[in-house]
Amino acid sequence: MPLHERSISGTIAVVCFFAVGLVGWLTGLSPYVCSKRALAGAVMGYVGGSLAVKAVNAVLTSALIDHLTKSQEGRASDNKT
């Protein structure tokens, strides 16, 4: 079963938002600059997380298809003999 892209990417975006916001706050940035950077970090986190989940889903789907194909070939060869 493929992973849910939106929920995982959303979680990554929220974590990135608060992490970048906290770092900006600790370094003494103004709230406006801190919020702009946090929003940019959240967008980048969402896009990056989305691409990563799509890649993982592609690998999982390919592995599942290979496994099912091999098991079907095994069953077909058992029926021939």
N, C-alpha and C. Protein backbone atom coordinates (compact mmCIF):
# COMPACT_ATOMS: atom_id res chain seq x y z
N MET A 1 0.85 -1.18 0.00
CA MET A 1 0.00 0.00 0.00
C MET A 1 0.89 1.24 0.00
N PRO A 2 0.65 2.15 -0.91
CA PRO A 2 1.50 3.35 -0.97
C PRO A 2 1.30 4.25 0.26
N LEU A 3 2.32 5.02 0.52
CA LEU A 3 2.27 5.96 1.64
C LEU A 3 1.42 7.15 1.27
N HIS A 4 0.83 7.80 2.26
CA HIS A 4 -0.03 8.95 2.03
C HIS A 4 0.84 10.21 1.90
N GLU A 5 0.89 10.73 0.70
CA GLU A 5 1.80 11.83 0.39
C GLU A 5 1.43 13.12 1.12
N ARG A 6 0.16 13.49 1.12
CA ARG A 6 -0.23 14.78 1.71
C ARG A 6 -0.01 14.83 3.22
N SER A 7 -0.36 13.77 3.91
CA SER A 7 -0.22 13.82 5.37
C SER A 7 1.25 13.84 5.78
N ILE A 8 2.08 13.05 5.10
CA ILE A 8 3.50 13.03 5.45
C ILE A 8 4.16 14.36 5.08
N SER A 9 3.86 14.87 3.89
CA SER A 9 4.43 16.15 3.47
C SER A 9 3.95 17.30 4.35
N GLY A 10 2.70 17.25 4.76
CA GLY A 10 2.17 18.28 5.67
C GLY A 10 2.87 18.27 7.01
N THR A 11 3.11 17.07 7.53
CA THR A 11 3.82 16.96 8.80
C THR A 11 5.24 17.49 8.68
N ILE A 12 5.92 17.15 7.59
CA ILE A 12 7.27 17.65 7.37
C ILE A 12 7.26 19.17 7.26
N ALA A 13 6.26 19.73 6.57
CA ALA A 13 6.17 21.19 6.41
C ALA A 13 5.98 21.88 7.76
N VAL A 14 5.14 21.32 8.61
CA VAL A 14 4.90 21.92 9.93
C VAL A 14 6.17 21.88 10.77
N VAL A 15 6.86 20.75 10.75
CA VAL A 15 8.11 20.63 11.51
C VAL A 15 9.14 21.63 10.99
N CYS A 16 9.25 21.75 9.66
CA CYS A 16 10.20 22.71 9.09
C CYS A 16 9.84 24.14 9.46
N PHE A 17 8.55 24.46 9.44
CA PHE A 17 8.11 25.81 9.80
C PHE A 17 8.56 26.17 11.21
N PHE A 18 8.26 25.29 12.16
CA PHE A 18 8.61 25.61 13.54
C PHE A 18 10.12 25.54 13.79
N ALA A 19 10.82 24.65 13.10
CA ALA A 19 12.27 24.57 13.28
C ALA A 19 12.95 25.83 12.75
N VAL A 20 12.57 26.26 11.56
CA VAL A 20 13.17 27.48 10.99
C VAL A 20 12.75 28.70 11.81
N GLY A 21 11.51 28.74 12.25
CA GLY A 21 11.05 29.85 13.08
C GLY A 21 11.80 29.93 14.40
N LEU A 22 12.04 28.78 15.01
CA LEU A 22 12.77 28.75 16.29
C LEU A 22 14.22 29.20 16.09
N VAL A 23 14.85 28.72 15.03
CA VAL A 23 16.23 29.14 14.76
C VAL A 23 16.29 30.64 14.49
N GLY A 24 15.34 31.15 13.72
CA GLY A 24 15.30 32.59 13.46
C GLY A 24 15.08 33.40 14.73
N TRP A 25 14.22 32.90 15.60
CA TRP A 25 13.94 33.61 16.85
C TRP A 25 15.17 33.59 17.76
N LEU A 26 15.86 32.44 17.80
CA LEU A 26 17.04 32.33 18.67
C LEU A 26 18.21 33.20 18.17
N THR A 27 18.25 33.43 16.86
CA THR A 27 19.34 34.27 16.34
C THR A 27 19.01 35.75 16.38
N GLY A 28 17.80 36.10 16.82
CA GLY A 28 17.46 37.50 17.02
C GLY A 28 16.90 38.21 15.80
N LEU A 29 16.34 37.49 14.86
CA LEU A 29 15.72 38.13 13.71
C LEU A 29 14.41 38.80 14.11
N SER A 30 14.01 39.76 13.30
CA SER A 30 12.73 40.40 13.56
C SER A 30 11.61 39.41 13.26
N PRO A 31 10.45 39.58 13.89
CA PRO A 31 9.36 38.63 13.66
C PRO A 31 8.92 38.53 12.20
N TYR A 32 8.98 39.64 11.47
CA TYR A 32 8.57 39.62 10.06
C TYR A 32 9.53 38.75 9.24
N VAL A 33 10.81 38.97 9.41
CA VAL A 33 11.82 38.19 8.68
C VAL A 33 11.76 36.73 9.10
N CYS A 34 11.58 36.52 10.39
CA CYS A 34 11.53 35.16 10.91
C CYS A 34 10.34 34.40 10.32
N SER A 35 9.19 35.05 10.23
CA SER A 35 8.01 34.38 9.69
C SER A 35 8.13 34.13 8.20
N LYS A 36 8.75 35.07 7.46
CA LYS A 36 8.95 34.86 6.03
C LYS A 36 9.87 33.67 5.79
N ARG A 37 10.94 33.58 6.55
CA ARG A 37 11.87 32.46 6.38
C ARG A 37 11.22 31.14 6.81
N ALA A 38 10.43 31.19 7.86
CA ALA A 38 9.75 29.97 8.31
C ALA A 38 8.76 29.50 7.26
N LEU A 39 8.05 30.42 6.63
CA LEU A 39 7.12 30.05 5.58
C LEU A 39 7.85 29.47 4.37
N ALA A 40 8.96 30.07 4.01
CA ALA A 40 9.76 29.54 2.90
C ALA A 40 10.30 28.15 3.24
N GLY A 41 10.72 27.95 4.48
CA GLY A 41 11.19 26.63 4.91
C GLY A 41 10.08 25.60 4.88
N ALA A 42 8.86 26.01 5.24
CA ALA A 42 7.73 25.09 5.20
C ALA A 42 7.39 24.69 3.78
N VAL A 43 7.44 25.64 2.86
CA VAL A 43 7.16 25.33 1.45
C VAL A 43 8.23 24.38 0.90
N MET A 44 9.48 24.66 1.19
CA MET A 44 10.55 23.77 0.73
C MET A 44 10.44 22.39 1.37
N GLY A 45 10.06 22.35 2.64
CA GLY A 45 9.87 21.07 3.32
C GLY A 45 8.73 20.28 2.71
N TYR A 46 7.64 20.96 2.35
CA TYR A 46 6.50 20.28 1.74
C TYR A 46 6.88 19.72 0.37
N VAL A 47 7.53 20.54 -0.44
CA VAL A 47 7.92 20.08 -1.78
C VAL A 47 8.93 18.94 -1.69
N GLY A 48 9.92 19.10 -0.84
CA GLY A 48 10.93 18.04 -0.67
C GLY A 48 10.33 16.76 -0.12
N GLY A 49 9.46 16.89 0.86
CA GLY A 49 8.79 15.72 1.42
C GLY A 49 7.90 15.04 0.40
N SER A 50 7.22 15.83 -0.40
CA SER A 50 6.35 15.28 -1.43
C SER A 50 7.16 14.48 -2.45
N LEU A 51 8.28 15.05 -2.89
CA LEU A 51 9.12 14.34 -3.85
C LEU A 51 9.71 13.07 -3.25
N ALA A 52 10.10 13.13 -1.99
CA ALA A 52 10.67 11.95 -1.33
C ALA A 52 9.62 10.85 -1.19
N VAL A 53 8.40 11.21 -0.81
CA VAL A 53 7.35 10.21 -0.66
C VAL A 53 6.98 9.61 -2.01
N LYS A 54 6.97 10.43 -3.07
CA LYS A 54 6.70 9.90 -4.41
C LYS A 54 7.78 8.91 -4.82
N ALA A 55 9.03 9.20 -4.52
CA ALA A 55 10.12 8.29 -4.85
C ALA A 55 10.00 6.98 -4.08
N VAL A 56 9.70 7.08 -2.80
CA VAL A 56 9.53 5.87 -1.98
C VAL A 56 8.35 5.04 -2.48
N ASN A 57 7.26 5.70 -2.83
CA ASN A 57 6.10 4.98 -3.36
C ASN A 57 6.43 4.28 -4.68
N ALA A 58 7.23 4.92 -5.52
CA ALA A 58 7.61 4.29 -6.78
C ALA A 58 8.45 3.05 -6.54
N VAL A 59 9.38 3.13 -5.59
CA VAL A 59 10.22 1.97 -5.26
C VAL A 59 9.37 0.85 -4.66
N LEU A 60 8.47 1.20 -3.74
CA LEU A 60 7.61 0.18 -3.13
C LEU A 60 6.69 -0.48 -4.15
N THR A 61 6.13 0.31 -5.04
CA THR A 61 5.25 -0.23 -6.06
C THR A 61 6.01 -1.15 -7.01
N SER A 62 7.20 -0.73 -7.41
CA SER A 62 8.02 -1.57 -8.28
C SER A 62 8.39 -2.88 -7.61
N ALA A 63 8.77 -2.82 -6.34
CA ALA A 63 9.12 -4.04 -5.61
C ALA A 63 7.91 -4.97 -5.47
N LEU A 64 6.75 -4.40 -5.23
CA LEU A 64 5.54 -5.21 -5.11
C LEU A 64 5.19 -5.88 -6.44
N ILE A 65 5.32 -5.14 -7.53
CA ILE A 65 5.04 -5.70 -8.85
C ILE A 65 6.02 -6.82 -9.16
N ASP A 66 7.31 -6.61 -8.88
CA ASP A 66 8.31 -7.66 -9.11
C ASP A 66 8.01 -8.91 -8.28
N HIS A 67 7.66 -8.71 -7.03
CA HIS A 67 7.35 -9.84 -6.15
C HIS A 67 6.14 -10.62 -6.67
N LEU A 68 5.09 -9.91 -7.04
CA LEU A 68 3.89 -10.59 -7.53
C LEU A 68 4.15 -11.29 -8.87
N THR A 69 4.95 -10.66 -9.72
CA THR A 69 5.28 -11.29 -11.01
C THR A 69 6.06 -12.57 -10.80
N LYS A 70 7.04 -12.54 -9.90
CA LYS A 70 7.83 -13.74 -9.64
C LYS A 70 7.00 -14.83 -9.00
N SER A 71 6.07 -14.45 -8.11
CA SER A 71 5.24 -15.48 -7.49
C SER A 71 4.28 -16.09 -8.51
N GLN A 72 3.81 -15.29 -9.46
CA GLN A 72 2.95 -15.82 -10.52
C GLN A 72 3.74 -16.73 -11.45
N GLU A 73 4.97 -16.39 -11.76
CA GLU A 73 5.82 -17.25 -12.59
C GLU A 73 6.10 -18.57 -11.90
N GLY A 74 6.31 -18.51 -10.59
CA GLY A 74 6.53 -19.73 -9.82
C GLY A 74 5.33 -20.64 -9.83
N ARG A 75 4.15 -20.08 -9.72
CA ARG A 75 2.93 -20.87 -9.75
C ARG A 75 2.70 -21.47 -11.13
N ALA A 76 3.03 -20.70 -12.17
CA ALA A 76 2.83 -21.19 -13.54
C ALA A 76 3.79 -22.34 -13.83
N SER A 77 5.03 -22.28 -13.35
CA SER A 77 5.97 -23.36 -13.59
C SER A 77 5.59 -24.60 -12.79
N ASP A 78 4.97 -24.44 -11.62
CA ASP A 78 4.52 -25.59 -10.82
C ASP A 78 3.37 -26.31 -11.52
N ASN A 79 2.53 -25.60 -12.20
CA ASN A 79 1.38 -26.21 -12.86
C ASN A 79 1.78 -26.95 -14.13
N LYS A 80 2.91 -26.61 -14.77
CA LYS A 80 3.33 -27.24 -16.02
C LYS A 80 3.89 -28.64 -15.80
N THR A 81 4.48 -28.90 -14.66
CA THR A 81 5.11 -30.21 -14.44
C THR A 81 4.22 -31.15 -13.71
